[in-house]
Each structure stands twice: as C-alpha cells, then as structure tokens.
Amino acid sequence: MLTKALSCPKTYKLLGTMTQQVQNPLTSSRFINMCVSNWFLHLYVYSMIPLLYAQAREFSANPLLVGWCVVAFAIGMILPGPFGAHLMERRSRKQVFLKSLLLTGLLSTIGYSVATAPWMLIALHGMQGVGFGIAQTALGTTLVNDVLYSRYRNRGDAYYAWAGRLGIPLGLLLGYTWMSFLPITDAWWWALVPCALSFLLVAQTQVPVKAPVKVALMTCDRFFLPKSCPLSLTMFAAPWMMGRVVGNFPGGWVCLSMAVGALLAFIIQLMGKHRLSQRIAVALGYLCVVVAWLLIAYPVPATNYLAYILIGGGVGAVSSRHLLAWLITADHCQRGTAQSTYMLSWRLAFAFGFLSSAYFAMEHVAFDLLLSVVSLLLYLLWVSKREPSAETLSL
C-alpha cells in the first residue's frame, strides 16, 4: 500500500511541495500570507486614528479625545495579555485570531457608525485594542512560528514585524485619504476592507494543529518578560517620536515620507546584514531621530519632508534592531513572551508620545532630544554589552 501511495503523482507533488517549504520556508505561501495579513491588520488599525479625528470633529469634541482613545487602545492591548497563553494552548490558534478580528473590525465598525457621544469613541478604541492584542498574540507570537522551523524563526519574526512596521505610516495615509474624500459613516466601512483581507488570508492558510496543553488561566507566559525591561527603556524614545509626530495630526505627504523612510531602513538592513553591528545600527537610527528633531525645531523649506523620512527610517531601524535583541536574548521557550513584551512596549511608548503631542503640540523639543540621547547612551553603555554578536543578530 505504501509503494502504491508513493507511486501516485499527487503524492509526489505533495512531497515536492513539502520539501520545498522545508528547504526555504521564508518564501512559502503560508509564511508570506502571515506577513501580508499582519501588514493589512496594521493598515486597518492605524487608519482608525485619522477617522477618530474626523469623528471627534463631528461631535465638536476637543482633539484631546483622540489622544485618550490611543491610550485606551494601548491599555486594551495589555488587558488580555495574562490570558494569552491559556488561549493559545487550549484553543485553536487560528480560530482565536479569526474571532479576534471580528472584535477588532466588524463589531468596532458597527459601534463607530452608531456612536453618539465622545466617550463611546474611547470605549470602542479600547475594545479594538483588546482585539488587536489577542490577534497579535495569536498571529505574531504563535502562528508565524508554527509554520517555521527553529533555525528560520529569528529571521521570520523580523520580516513579520517589518511587515507591520511598514503598514503604520501607510495606514495613517489611508485613513487621511478616506477622511478627505468620504463621509465619516462611509469611511468607517471602507476602512474595514484591509481587516477583511487580513481575515481571508489567514482563513485560507493551512496551519499545524497542536493538541491542547494544560496551562494556568493567568500567567506571564506569552505576555511579559521582566528581564527585557532594559530593552523597553532604551527603545522608548523611538516609538515615542512616532507618536509625537502622529499626535500632531500630520498630512498625507508626511505619512508618505515616513513610509519611504521605513522602507529605506528595511532595505538597508537587508543589504547591511553582517556589515553593520548592532551598536552601530541603533546609533545610526537614533542619530536620524535626533537630526529629524532638529529639522522640526528649526524648519527649512527645502528639508520639510526630509525630517519625516529620517523619522520613518530612524524609528524603523531602532525598533527592528531592538526586536532582534529581544528574540536572541530570550530563552527558546520565551520567544512568544519576548515578542509580546516588545509589542506592548512599542505601543505604550507610541501612545504616551501621541498624548504628549495632543496636549503640547510639537513644543518642548529639547525634552524629546534629551530623551533620544539618553536612550542611545543607555543602550550603548548598559544594554548592548549583554547582547550576542552582530552576526547572530543580523537578518
């Protein structure tokens, strides 16, 4: 019977496909689907921010309302964290992700379209944060690693994170576009398209099925890794900077410039590989951030958009290198926990930066410059000495 099965052309085709995925799973359709799904999900989530501005204006509410919405989203991401391991081990991870998108997308959109009071926007965006936190736990810390062999997971997780990172400024641009050309009620529903595409990509992707494992209802596993707190501190200034810019309600060209900068940082990291050490890469990223702050503080017409290209590139470089350090310095069984800690740290810093701009606009730049310099010095003098070699950390 075995001989007959092996002689079947369909069996040879299946074995050939499996062999190809084993040899290079980073180009397999399953892994690519996960990365593109993450890109669509970030497009959707960050397109919400301009729409919240438009809705707040409809309510004649203070723009500070949007700042508190963003903070509520970050808090919402934290709330399901202690239950993440229980969900991932006792339920179908794919089903957890798909159901979380219903909360993040469809239910939230229905709520936005019928909202009648400003406080409802804060509650709804917080609910989206809960759904997004569960979705990232299921997709980013679990499903992506399930379709990759151990030796590919560092690179795979880095590419997956870059997909989301590139979706941030493009999602903002998308939101500004819908806000400019559509009534707010229609814009909420059009914004749902990237979320639906993320849902469909994962829904039609085959993922390994794992037997349920007994796990405590509440645990720090897949939620928070205390020993990585130094990395949270030294990365803080990068997403803070992004939040400061977005909280100042930039235009579409600013978002496009940041997207160009992030793409350039990704290309440079791919081409640099072993040529740039971890310390140099982080230092160059923060140097871009500092120069960008100076250009914003002392604007020159010829360099208006250069500052935002530097922000996209600098924040992308610092964030990506910190994620690699998070992954390598964590134990094998702590990979998902390290990724979750990185994700929550990034979003909290972004939210605090956003709220700061909502209150103070782009004033007090001296504090932002000092924060960037201190973060870099802490990294160079404290954190980087504990990390592996540049070769281990490269893509």
Protein backbone atom coordinates (compact mmCIF):
# COMPACT_ATOMS: atom_id res chain seq x y z
CA MET A 1 0.00 0.00 0.00
CA LEU A 2 2.88 2.35 0.84
CA THR A 3 4.52 1.61 -2.53
CA LYS A 4 1.26 2.31 -4.31
CA ALA A 5 0.83 5.60 -2.46
CA LEU A 6 4.37 6.73 -3.25
CA SER A 7 3.88 5.95 -6.92
CA CYS A 8 0.87 8.27 -7.10
CA PRO A 9 1.67 11.53 -8.97
CA LYS A 10 -0.34 13.57 -6.44
CA THR A 11 1.77 12.15 -3.62
CA TYR A 12 4.99 13.13 -5.41
CA LYS A 13 3.60 16.61 -5.96
CA LEU A 14 2.67 16.92 -2.28
CA LEU A 15 6.09 15.64 -1.16
CA GLY A 16 7.78 18.07 -3.54
CA THR A 17 5.82 20.98 -2.09
CA MET A 18 6.64 19.90 1.46
CA THR A 19 10.33 19.56 0.62
CA GLN A 20 10.39 22.99 -0.97
CA GLN A 21 8.83 24.54 2.15
CA VAL A 22 11.30 22.75 4.41
CA GLN A 23 14.27 23.97 2.36
CA ASN A 24 13.16 27.60 2.29
CA PRO A 25 10.06 28.22 4.42
CA LEU A 26 10.60 32.01 4.38
CA THR A 27 9.34 32.00 0.78
CA SER A 28 6.49 29.58 1.45
CA SER A 29 2.96 30.79 0.82
CA ARG A 30 1.99 30.11 4.43
CA PHE A 31 4.64 32.41 5.87
CA ILE A 32 4.06 35.11 3.24
CA ASN A 33 0.33 35.02 3.99
CA MET A 34 1.05 35.63 7.67
CA CYS A 35 3.27 38.64 6.90
CA VAL A 36 0.82 40.18 4.42
CA SER A 37 -2.02 39.58 6.87
CA ASN A 38 -0.04 41.49 9.52
CA TRP A 39 0.53 44.32 7.02
CA PHE A 40 -3.21 44.56 6.30
CA LEU A 41 -4.00 44.46 10.01
CA HIS A 42 -1.67 47.40 10.72
CA LEU A 43 -3.11 49.29 7.75
CA TYR A 44 -6.53 48.91 9.31
CA VAL A 45 -5.64 49.73 12.92
CA TYR A 46 -3.63 52.87 12.12
CA SER A 47 -6.17 54.14 9.57
CA MET A 48 -8.51 54.48 12.57
CA ILE A 49 -6.55 57.42 14.00
CA PRO A 50 -7.40 59.99 11.28
CA LEU A 51 -11.00 58.76 11.28
CA LEU A 52 -11.18 59.33 15.03
CA TYR A 53 -10.10 62.93 14.42
CA ALA A 54 -12.90 63.32 11.87
CA GLN A 55 -15.48 61.77 14.20
CA ALA A 56 -14.34 63.94 17.13
CA ARG A 57 -14.83 66.97 14.89
CA GLU A 58 -18.36 65.76 14.08
CA PHE A 59 -19.07 65.67 17.83
CA SER A 60 -17.44 69.13 18.27
CA ALA A 61 -15.17 67.43 20.80
CA ASN A 62 -11.69 68.52 21.92
CA PRO A 63 -8.90 66.92 19.81
CA LEU A 64 -7.51 65.61 23.12
CA LEU A 65 -10.22 62.99 22.83
CA VAL A 66 -8.19 61.20 20.16
CA GLY A 67 -5.14 61.15 22.43
CA TRP A 68 -7.11 59.35 25.12
CA CYS A 69 -8.52 56.98 22.50
CA VAL A 70 -4.96 55.97 21.57
CA VAL A 71 -4.07 55.47 25.25
CA ALA A 72 -7.23 53.35 25.69
CA PHE A 73 -6.12 51.22 22.74
CA ALA A 74 -2.72 50.58 24.35
CA ILE A 75 -4.35 49.68 27.68
CA GLY A 76 -6.77 47.42 25.81
CA MET A 77 -3.82 45.52 24.31
CA ILE A 78 -2.49 44.81 27.81
CA LEU A 79 -5.75 43.54 29.32
CA PRO A 80 -5.91 40.12 27.56
CA GLY A 81 -2.15 39.56 27.96
CA PRO A 82 -2.22 37.39 31.12
CA PHE A 83 -4.75 35.08 29.44
CA GLY A 84 -2.81 34.79 26.17
CA ALA A 85 -1.00 31.53 26.94
CA HIS A 86 -4.24 29.85 28.06
CA LEU A 87 -5.98 30.91 24.83
CA MET A 88 -3.10 29.75 22.63
CA GLU A 89 -2.71 26.35 24.29
CA ARG A 90 -6.35 25.45 24.99
CA ARG A 91 -7.96 26.77 21.77
CA SER A 92 -7.31 26.63 18.06
CA ARG A 93 -4.81 29.43 17.49
CA LYS A 94 -6.14 30.13 14.03
CA GLN A 95 -9.70 30.38 15.32
CA VAL A 96 -8.59 32.68 18.13
CA PHE A 97 -7.04 35.01 15.55
CA LEU A 98 -10.07 34.98 13.25
CA LYS A 99 -12.50 35.63 16.11
CA SER A 100 -10.31 38.43 17.45
CA LEU A 101 -10.59 40.16 14.07
CA LEU A 102 -14.37 40.12 14.38
CA LEU A 103 -13.95 42.09 17.60
CA THR A 104 -11.23 44.35 16.19
CA GLY A 105 -13.02 45.02 12.91
CA LEU A 106 -16.68 44.24 12.42
CA LEU A 107 -18.05 44.85 15.93
CA SER A 108 -15.96 48.01 16.36
CA THR A 109 -17.04 49.39 12.98
CA ILE A 110 -20.70 48.85 13.85
CA GLY A 111 -20.05 50.71 17.10
CA TYR A 112 -18.29 53.63 15.40
CA SER A 113 -21.06 54.00 12.82
CA VAL A 114 -23.74 54.39 15.52
CA ALA A 115 -21.69 56.24 18.18
CA THR A 116 -23.48 59.29 19.56
CA ALA A 117 -21.11 60.52 22.30
CA PRO A 118 -17.36 61.22 22.55
CA TRP A 119 -16.83 58.75 25.43
CA MET A 120 -18.07 55.97 23.17
CA LEU A 121 -15.07 56.53 20.86
CA ILE A 122 -12.69 55.93 23.78
CA ALA A 123 -14.52 52.75 24.78
CA LEU A 124 -14.67 51.44 21.20
CA HIS A 125 -10.98 52.12 20.51
CA GLY A 126 -10.11 50.43 23.79
CA MET A 127 -12.17 47.42 22.66
CA GLN A 128 -10.21 47.42 19.39
CA GLY A 129 -7.02 47.36 21.45
CA VAL A 130 -8.23 44.21 23.22
CA GLY A 131 -8.96 42.53 19.87
CA PHE A 132 -5.66 43.66 18.36
CA GLY A 133 -3.71 42.41 21.38
CA ILE A 134 -5.28 38.96 21.07
CA ALA A 135 -4.74 38.96 17.29
CA GLN A 136 -1.05 39.76 17.66
CA THR A 137 -0.61 37.09 20.35
CA ALA A 138 -2.21 34.51 18.06
CA LEU A 139 -0.60 35.57 14.77
CA GLY A 140 2.72 37.14 15.69
CA THR A 141 3.87 35.12 18.69
CA THR A 142 2.31 31.79 17.69
CA LEU A 143 1.11 31.09 14.14
CA VAL A 144 4.14 32.62 12.41
CA ASN A 145 6.46 30.46 14.48
CA ASP A 146 4.25 27.39 13.95
CA VAL A 147 4.87 27.49 10.17
CA LEU A 148 8.66 27.95 10.52
CA TYR A 149 11.43 25.63 11.67
CA SER A 150 13.53 26.80 14.60
CA ARG A 151 16.53 27.89 12.54
CA TYR A 152 14.37 30.28 10.47
CA ARG A 153 12.35 31.83 13.27
CA ASN A 154 14.60 34.80 14.11
CA ARG A 155 14.61 35.99 10.52
CA GLY A 156 10.95 35.11 10.06
CA ASP A 157 9.86 37.08 13.13
CA ALA A 158 11.94 40.05 11.97
CA TYR A 159 10.32 40.04 8.50
CA TYR A 160 6.89 39.64 10.06
CA ALA A 161 7.49 42.67 12.31
CA TRP A 162 8.75 44.73 9.37
CA ALA A 163 5.51 43.99 7.51
CA GLY A 164 3.55 45.56 10.35
CA ARG A 165 6.02 48.42 10.75
CA LEU A 166 5.69 49.35 7.07
CA GLY A 167 1.91 49.30 7.46
CA ILE A 168 1.87 52.00 10.15
CA PRO A 169 2.52 55.15 8.04
CA LEU A 170 0.63 53.70 5.07
CA GLY A 171 -2.35 53.00 7.33
CA LEU A 172 -2.29 56.62 8.50
CA LEU A 173 -2.16 57.76 4.87
CA LEU A 174 -5.10 55.51 4.05
CA GLY A 175 -7.11 56.97 6.91
CA TYR A 176 -6.39 60.53 5.82
CA THR A 177 -7.46 59.64 2.28
CA TRP A 178 -10.80 58.20 3.40
CA MET A 179 -11.33 61.10 5.78
CA SER A 180 -10.76 63.61 2.97
CA PHE A 181 -13.00 62.06 0.31
CA LEU A 182 -15.74 60.17 2.14
CA PRO A 183 -18.44 60.95 4.70
CA ILE A 184 -17.33 59.64 8.07
CA THR A 185 -20.06 56.95 8.16
CA ASP A 186 -18.91 55.54 4.81
CA ALA A 187 -15.24 55.88 5.78
CA TRP A 188 -15.66 53.56 8.77
CA TRP A 189 -16.94 50.80 6.50
CA TRP A 190 -14.33 51.30 3.77
CA ALA A 191 -11.64 51.15 6.45
CA LEU A 192 -12.82 47.61 7.21
CA VAL A 193 -11.50 46.34 3.84
CA PRO A 194 -7.86 45.74 4.99
CA CYS A 195 -9.15 43.97 8.12
CA ALA A 196 -11.32 41.70 5.96
CA LEU A 197 -8.34 40.91 3.69
CA SER A 198 -6.24 40.02 6.75
CA PHE A 199 -9.03 37.69 7.90
CA LEU A 200 -9.32 35.98 4.49
CA LEU A 201 -5.56 35.44 4.11
CA VAL A 202 -5.26 33.54 7.38
CA ALA A 203 -8.61 31.77 6.99
CA GLN A 204 -7.45 30.04 3.79
CA THR A 205 -3.94 29.23 5.12
CA GLN A 206 -3.27 25.75 6.49
CA VAL A 207 -1.50 25.81 9.85
CA PRO A 208 -0.30 22.95 12.08
CA VAL A 209 -2.86 21.67 14.58
CA LYS A 210 -1.49 21.27 18.11
CA ALA A 211 -3.01 19.18 20.88
CA PRO A 212 -4.36 21.16 23.87
CA VAL A 213 -1.93 21.66 26.74
CA LYS A 214 -2.91 22.33 30.33
CA VAL A 215 -1.98 25.93 31.17
CA ALA A 216 -3.00 28.18 34.05
CA LEU A 217 -5.74 30.69 33.27
CA MET A 218 -3.46 33.63 34.12
CA THR A 219 0.29 33.60 33.52
CA CYS A 220 3.08 35.89 32.29
CA ASP A 221 3.89 33.38 29.54
CA ARG A 222 3.28 34.99 26.11
CA PHE A 223 2.66 38.28 27.91
CA PHE A 224 5.54 39.91 29.76
CA LEU A 225 9.26 39.13 30.10
CA PRO A 226 10.69 41.08 33.09
CA LYS A 227 14.35 40.60 32.15
CA SER A 228 13.79 42.54 28.90
CA CYS A 229 12.81 45.76 30.71
CA PRO A 230 16.17 47.40 29.83
CA LEU A 231 15.33 46.97 26.14
CA SER A 232 11.93 48.60 26.76
CA LEU A 233 13.68 51.62 28.26
CA THR A 234 16.29 52.05 25.53
CA MET A 235 13.71 51.67 22.74
CA PHE A 236 11.20 54.05 24.34
CA ALA A 237 12.32 57.20 22.50
CA ALA A 238 11.78 55.72 19.01
CA PRO A 239 8.03 54.91 19.15
CA TRP A 240 7.60 58.00 21.37
CA MET A 241 8.90 60.06 18.43
CA MET A 242 6.47 58.38 16.03
CA GLY A 243 3.61 59.04 18.44
CA ARG A 244 4.65 62.70 18.78
CA VAL A 245 4.51 63.19 15.02
CA VAL A 246 1.21 61.35 14.52
CA GLY A 247 -0.34 63.13 17.52
CA ASN A 248 0.41 66.45 15.85
CA PHE A 249 -2.07 65.49 13.09
CA PRO A 250 0.31 65.42 10.11
CA GLY A 251 -0.86 65.49 6.50
CA GLY A 252 -0.79 62.75 3.89
CA TRP A 253 2.62 63.75 2.50
CA VAL A 254 4.15 63.48 5.95
CA CYS A 255 2.82 59.92 6.31
CA LEU A 256 4.11 59.02 2.84
CA SER A 257 7.54 60.42 3.74
CA MET A 258 7.66 58.27 6.89
CA ALA A 259 6.68 55.23 4.82
CA VAL A 260 9.56 55.94 2.41
CA GLY A 261 11.96 56.25 5.35
CA ALA A 262 10.79 52.95 6.86
CA LEU A 263 11.16 51.18 3.52
CA LEU A 264 14.70 52.55 3.10
CA ALA A 265 15.60 51.33 6.60
CA PHE A 266 14.31 47.86 5.74
CA ILE A 267 16.32 47.76 2.50
CA ILE A 268 19.47 48.96 4.27
CA GLN A 269 19.06 46.30 6.95
CA LEU A 270 18.69 43.61 4.29
CA MET A 271 21.76 44.82 2.40
CA GLY A 272 23.83 45.54 5.52
CA LYS A 273 23.48 42.14 7.18
CA HIS A 274 26.88 41.43 8.80
CA ARG A 275 28.35 44.80 7.77
CA LEU A 276 26.56 46.82 10.46
CA SER A 277 26.99 45.82 14.08
CA GLN A 278 24.04 46.08 16.42
CA ARG A 279 25.55 49.06 18.26
CA ILE A 280 26.23 50.99 15.07
CA ALA A 281 22.77 50.26 13.62
CA VAL A 282 20.99 51.51 16.77
CA ALA A 283 23.30 54.54 16.98
CA LEU A 284 22.59 55.47 13.34
CA GLY A 285 18.87 55.04 13.93
CA TYR A 286 18.89 57.37 16.90
CA LEU A 287 21.12 59.82 15.02
CA CYS A 288 18.42 60.02 12.34
CA VAL A 289 15.84 60.70 15.06
CA VAL A 290 17.95 63.48 16.61
CA VAL A 291 18.58 65.15 13.22
CA ALA A 292 14.86 64.92 12.48
CA TRP A 293 14.03 66.68 15.76
CA LEU A 294 16.47 69.46 14.90
CA LEU A 295 14.91 69.89 11.46
CA ILE A 296 11.45 70.06 13.02
CA ALA A 297 12.60 72.57 15.66
CA TYR A 298 14.39 74.77 13.10
CA PRO A 299 12.40 74.18 9.87
CA VAL A 300 13.88 74.93 6.49
CA PRO A 301 11.53 74.77 3.45
CA ALA A 302 13.92 72.61 1.44
CA THR A 303 14.05 69.96 4.18
CA ASN A 304 10.39 69.82 5.23
CA TYR A 305 9.86 66.19 4.28
CA LEU A 306 13.44 65.07 4.89
CA ALA A 307 12.75 65.19 8.63
CA TYR A 308 9.88 62.74 8.28
CA ILE A 309 11.87 60.42 6.04
CA LEU A 310 14.52 60.37 8.78
CA ILE A 311 11.82 59.64 11.38
CA GLY A 312 10.49 56.69 9.38
CA GLY A 313 14.00 55.33 8.84
CA GLY A 314 15.33 56.04 12.33
CA VAL A 315 12.33 54.64 14.20
CA GLY A 316 12.28 51.59 11.91
CA ALA A 317 15.99 50.90 12.45
CA VAL A 318 15.86 51.27 16.24
CA SER A 319 12.68 49.20 16.56
CA SER A 320 13.85 46.37 14.32
CA ARG A 321 17.24 46.04 15.99
CA HIS A 322 15.64 46.02 19.42
CA LEU A 323 13.24 43.26 18.36
CA LEU A 324 16.18 41.14 17.16
CA ALA A 325 17.88 41.65 20.52
CA TRP A 326 14.64 40.70 22.29
CA LEU A 327 14.43 37.46 20.32
CA ILE A 328 18.07 36.41 20.73
CA THR A 329 18.43 37.19 24.42
CA ALA A 330 15.22 35.33 25.33
CA ASP A 331 15.31 31.61 26.03
CA HIS A 332 13.81 29.30 23.39
CA CYS A 333 10.56 28.85 25.32
CA GLN A 334 10.30 32.62 25.88
CA ARG A 335 10.20 33.68 22.22
CA GLY A 336 6.48 34.48 22.22
CA THR A 337 6.77 36.26 25.58
CA ALA A 338 9.64 38.39 24.26
CA GLN A 339 7.66 39.37 21.15
CA SER A 340 4.63 40.28 23.25
CA THR A 341 6.75 42.43 25.58
CA TYR A 342 8.27 44.21 22.57
CA MET A 343 4.85 44.82 21.02
CA LEU A 344 3.33 46.19 24.24
CA SER A 345 6.39 48.36 24.97
CA TRP A 346 6.26 49.83 21.47
CA ARG A 347 2.57 50.63 21.58
CA LEU A 348 2.70 52.15 25.08
CA ALA A 349 5.57 54.46 24.11
CA PHE A 350 3.69 55.44 20.95
CA ALA A 351 0.54 56.20 23.00
CA PHE A 352 2.43 58.37 25.52
CA GLY A 353 4.12 60.30 22.70
CA PHE A 354 0.77 60.76 20.96
CA LEU A 355 -0.91 62.04 24.14
CA SER A 356 2.01 64.41 24.76
CA SER A 357 1.51 66.00 21.32
CA ALA A 358 -2.23 66.19 21.90
CA TYR A 359 -1.51 68.36 24.96
CA PHE A 360 1.61 70.29 23.94
CA ALA A 361 1.77 70.04 20.10
CA MET A 362 5.41 69.92 18.94
CA GLU A 363 6.70 72.17 21.72
CA HIS A 364 9.38 71.31 24.28
CA VAL A 365 11.59 69.72 21.60
CA ALA A 366 14.56 69.97 23.97
CA PHE A 367 12.97 67.26 26.12
CA ASP A 368 12.50 64.98 23.11
CA LEU A 369 16.10 65.48 22.03
CA LEU A 370 17.31 64.70 25.55
CA LEU A 371 15.13 61.58 25.67
CA SER A 372 16.62 60.31 22.40
CA VAL A 373 20.21 60.94 23.53
CA VAL A 374 19.64 59.30 26.93
CA SER A 375 18.03 56.26 25.30
CA LEU A 376 21.03 55.86 23.00
CA LEU A 377 23.56 56.26 25.81
CA LEU A 378 21.72 53.74 27.98
CA TYR A 379 21.74 51.30 25.10
CA LEU A 380 25.44 51.71 24.30
CA LEU A 381 26.68 51.72 27.90
CA TRP A 382 24.29 49.27 29.51
CA VAL A 383 22.22 47.03 27.24
CA SER A 384 24.38 46.31 24.19
CA LYS A 385 27.18 44.77 26.26
CA ARG A 386 24.87 41.89 27.17
CA GLU A 387 23.88 41.05 23.59
CA PRO A 388 25.24 38.39 21.21
CA SER A 389 27.42 39.22 18.23
CA ALA A 390 26.21 41.18 15.21
CA GLU A 391 26.32 38.03 13.09
CA THR A 392 23.77 36.34 15.35
CA LEU A 393 21.51 39.39 15.27
CA SER A 394 21.57 40.03 11.53
CA LEU A 395 18.88 39.12 9.05
